[in-house]
Protein backbone atom coordinates (compact mmCIF):
# COMPACT_ATOMS: atom_id res chain seq x y z
CA MET A 1 206.90 118.26 137.32
CA THR A 2 203.30 117.12 137.89
CA ILE A 3 200.20 119.20 137.56
CA PRO A 4 197.73 119.10 140.38
CA ASN A 5 194.71 116.90 139.31
CA ASN A 6 191.96 119.59 139.41
CA LEU A 7 194.16 121.99 137.28
CA LEU A 8 194.77 119.23 134.70
CA GLN A 9 191.11 118.47 134.67
CA GLN A 10 190.35 121.97 133.85
CA GLN A 11 192.80 121.99 131.14
CA VAL A 12 191.39 118.93 129.59
CA ARG A 13 187.85 120.32 129.80
CA ARG A 14 189.07 123.54 128.08
CA LEU A 15 190.82 121.66 125.30
CA ASP A 16 187.66 119.65 124.85
CA GLU A 17 185.57 122.80 124.65
CA LEU A 18 187.95 124.19 121.95
CA MET A 19 187.56 121.06 119.97
CA ALA A 20 183.72 121.16 120.32
CA ILE A 21 183.83 124.72 119.06
CA SER A 22 185.96 123.64 116.08
CA LYS A 23 183.63 120.82 115.19
CA GLN A 24 180.34 123.10 115.59
CA ARG A 25 181.91 125.69 113.27
CA TYR A 26 182.79 123.05 110.79
CA ILE A 27 179.24 121.63 110.81
CA ASP A 28 177.84 125.15 110.55
CA ALA A 29 180.09 125.82 107.42
CA GLY A 30 178.38 122.73 105.83
CA GLY A 31 180.76 120.08 106.84
CA ASP A 32 179.78 116.40 107.05
CA PRO A 33 178.80 115.98 110.84
CA ARG A 34 180.13 112.36 110.60
CA HIS A 35 183.61 113.50 109.87
CA THR A 36 185.99 115.90 111.53
CA PRO A 37 188.11 118.60 109.89
CA SER A 38 191.72 117.56 109.36
CA GLY A 39 192.96 119.85 112.12
CA LEU A 40 195.53 121.58 109.98
CA LYS A 41 195.55 125.50 109.93
CA GLY A 42 192.93 126.70 107.85
CA ASP A 43 190.82 123.56 108.18
CA ASP A 44 190.42 123.46 111.84
CA TYR A 45 187.89 126.23 112.13
CA LEU A 46 189.75 127.79 115.06
CA THR A 47 190.84 131.44 115.46
CA ASP A 48 194.63 132.11 115.63
CA SER A 49 194.29 132.77 119.53
CA GLU A 50 192.17 129.48 120.04
CA ARG A 51 194.71 127.53 117.99
CA LYS A 52 197.54 128.78 120.03
CA GLU A 53 195.67 128.03 123.27
CA ALA A 54 194.76 124.51 122.03
CA LEU A 55 198.39 123.74 121.20
CA GLN A 56 199.61 125.05 124.49
CA LEU A 57 197.07 122.83 126.35
CA ALA A 58 197.94 119.78 124.28
CA ARG A 59 201.52 120.26 125.09
CA ILE A 60 200.87 120.42 128.79
CA ILE A 61 198.29 117.58 128.87
CA PHE A 62 200.29 115.28 126.57
CA ASN A 63 203.72 115.78 128.04
CA GLU A 64 206.51 113.23 128.19
CA ASP A 65 205.30 111.56 131.40
CA TYR A 66 201.90 111.17 129.79
CA ILE A 67 203.61 109.52 126.50
CA HIS A 68 205.86 107.41 128.51
CA SER A 69 203.08 105.97 130.71
CA TYR A 70 200.89 105.36 127.59
CA LEU A 71 203.36 103.56 125.45
CA PRO A 72 203.99 100.55 127.62
CA THR A 73 200.28 100.00 127.79
CA LYS A 74 199.72 100.32 124.08
CA HIS A 75 202.14 97.63 123.29
CA GLN A 76 200.95 94.96 125.61
CA PRO A 77 199.49 91.75 123.92
CA ASN A 78 195.81 91.44 124.04
């Protein structure tokens, strides 16, 4: 099943927004702006509902079709 392009773009923007929120909270808490938090629960600076939303979006965006289309390009010789 494919996702309409405009819906996929909205989902990608929302995931990017959640990651920016996480990064800003990390910096506000005294984290090094040149690094990112590990992304593990408790070190991702997201609320439980934001974390759940981010995981759902990631599963939609990076589905099997995406992975299968990415892998062949990753293993091509330079």
